[in-house]
Amino acid sequence: MRFVMPAAAAATLIAFSAFAQPAANNNAPSNPAVKTTEGNNPGAPASGANSFTEGQAKARMEARGYASVSGLAKDNQGIWRGKAMQNGKAVNVTLDYQGNVTVN
């Protein structure tokens, strides 16, 4: 025996499911996992599970204008920390899970 749903019932289910979607949380952070624009998020460096390898972290820092990147180590907050040169000065540089590169 085959069940056939009347068109009106099907339309009601479809309409109801559209309203049953969860509301957007406007207070939720809009932090992408990897930041692709040139700027950093205001709270950088952000703590979180970091999937960048050491080589990727170094390459990203170098792409942002830092030279002689060395001593990279990931801390317990998931932030890559190391030393680099910027405009002839030694700086401490960080990379967070979002891809934000910052100087301390």
Protein backbone atom coordinates (compact mmCIF):
# COMPACT_ATOMS: atom_id res chain seq x y z
CA MET A 1 0.00 0.00 0.00
CA ARG A 2 1.43 3.38 -0.99
CA PHE A 3 0.86 6.55 1.02
CA VAL A 4 0.09 9.70 -0.97
CA MET A 5 0.17 13.02 0.85
CA PRO A 6 -2.40 15.59 -0.26
CA ALA A 7 -0.88 18.69 -1.86
CA ALA A 8 -2.22 21.00 0.85
CA ALA A 9 -0.57 18.94 3.59
CA ALA A 10 2.73 18.90 1.71
CA ALA A 11 2.62 22.68 1.23
CA THR A 12 1.92 23.15 4.94
CA LEU A 13 4.92 20.99 5.90
CA ILE A 14 7.19 22.88 3.54
CA ALA A 15 6.00 26.26 4.82
CA PHE A 16 6.36 25.18 8.45
CA SER A 17 9.91 23.90 7.93
CA ALA A 18 10.92 27.30 6.55
CA PHE A 19 9.81 28.94 9.79
CA ALA A 20 11.39 26.25 11.96
CA GLN A 21 14.94 27.27 11.01
CA PRO A 22 16.99 28.60 13.91
CA ALA A 23 17.33 32.36 14.11
CA ALA A 24 20.70 33.91 13.29
CA ASN A 25 22.70 34.84 16.36
CA ASN A 26 23.77 38.43 15.73
CA ASN A 27 25.90 38.38 18.88
CA ALA A 28 28.01 35.41 17.74
CA PRO A 29 31.60 36.19 16.77
CA SER A 30 32.22 36.34 13.05
CA ASN A 31 35.75 35.00 13.21
CA PRO A 32 36.71 32.93 10.19
CA ALA A 33 39.11 30.09 10.79
CA VAL A 34 41.58 31.53 8.31
CA LYS A 35 41.65 35.25 7.68
CA THR A 36 42.18 35.91 3.98
CA THR A 37 42.14 39.72 3.94
CA GLU A 38 45.21 41.79 4.74
CA GLY A 39 43.97 43.15 8.08
CA ASN A 40 43.86 41.44 11.45
CA ASN A 41 40.87 40.89 13.69
CA PRO A 42 40.85 43.44 16.53
CA GLY A 43 41.43 40.82 19.24
CA ALA A 44 44.43 39.20 17.56
CA PRO A 45 46.16 37.03 18.44
CA ALA A 46 43.13 34.86 19.19
CA SER A 47 43.44 31.64 21.18
CA GLY A 48 42.18 28.48 19.51
CA ALA A 49 43.08 25.21 17.87
CA ASN A 50 45.69 26.12 15.26
CA SER A 51 46.01 23.91 12.19
CA PHE A 52 48.90 25.82 10.59
CA THR A 53 52.11 23.83 10.32
CA GLU A 54 55.39 25.49 11.27
CA GLY A 55 56.24 25.94 7.59
CA GLN A 56 52.86 27.50 6.85
CA ALA A 57 53.20 29.83 9.83
CA LYS A 58 56.64 30.96 8.68
CA ALA A 59 55.44 31.47 5.08
CA ARG A 60 52.43 33.51 6.23
CA MET A 61 54.64 35.74 8.41
CA GLU A 62 57.08 36.24 5.54
CA ALA A 63 54.20 37.08 3.19
CA ARG A 64 53.24 39.85 5.62
CA GLY A 65 56.71 41.43 5.32
CA TYR A 66 58.67 39.80 8.13
CA ALA A 67 62.14 38.49 7.32
CA SER A 68 64.44 35.97 9.02
CA VAL A 69 61.54 34.29 10.84
CA SER A 70 63.01 31.89 13.40
CA GLY A 71 62.39 30.15 16.70
CA LEU A 72 58.77 29.32 15.90
CA ALA A 73 56.93 27.37 18.57
CA LYS A 74 53.21 26.88 19.15
CA ASP A 75 52.14 27.74 22.70
CA ASN A 76 49.39 26.10 24.77
CA GLN A 77 46.84 28.61 23.41
CA GLY A 78 47.50 27.51 19.81
CA ILE A 79 49.45 30.65 18.88
CA TRP A 80 52.65 30.37 16.87
CA ARG A 81 55.33 32.63 18.40
CA GLY A 82 58.76 33.44 17.03
CA LYS A 83 61.30 36.10 16.20
CA ALA A 84 61.67 38.02 12.96
CA MET A 85 63.09 41.17 11.42
CA GLN A 86 60.89 44.07 10.31
CA ASN A 87 62.36 47.25 8.83
CA GLY A 88 65.78 46.33 10.24
CA LYS A 89 64.49 45.77 13.79
CA ALA A 90 64.13 42.50 15.72
CA VAL A 91 60.49 41.82 16.69
CA ASN A 92 58.47 39.09 18.36
CA VAL A 93 55.86 37.88 15.89
CA THR A 94 52.73 35.74 16.37
CA LEU A 95 50.28 33.86 14.17
CA ASP A 96 46.91 32.74 15.51
CA TYR A 97 44.48 30.12 14.21
CA GLN A 98 42.67 32.74 12.13
CA GLY A 99 45.84 33.66 10.25
CA ASN A 100 46.33 36.99 12.02
CA VAL A 101 50.00 38.00 12.11
CA THR A 102 50.86 40.40 14.93
CA VAL A 103 53.93 41.85 16.63
CA ASN A 104 54.37 41.95 20.42
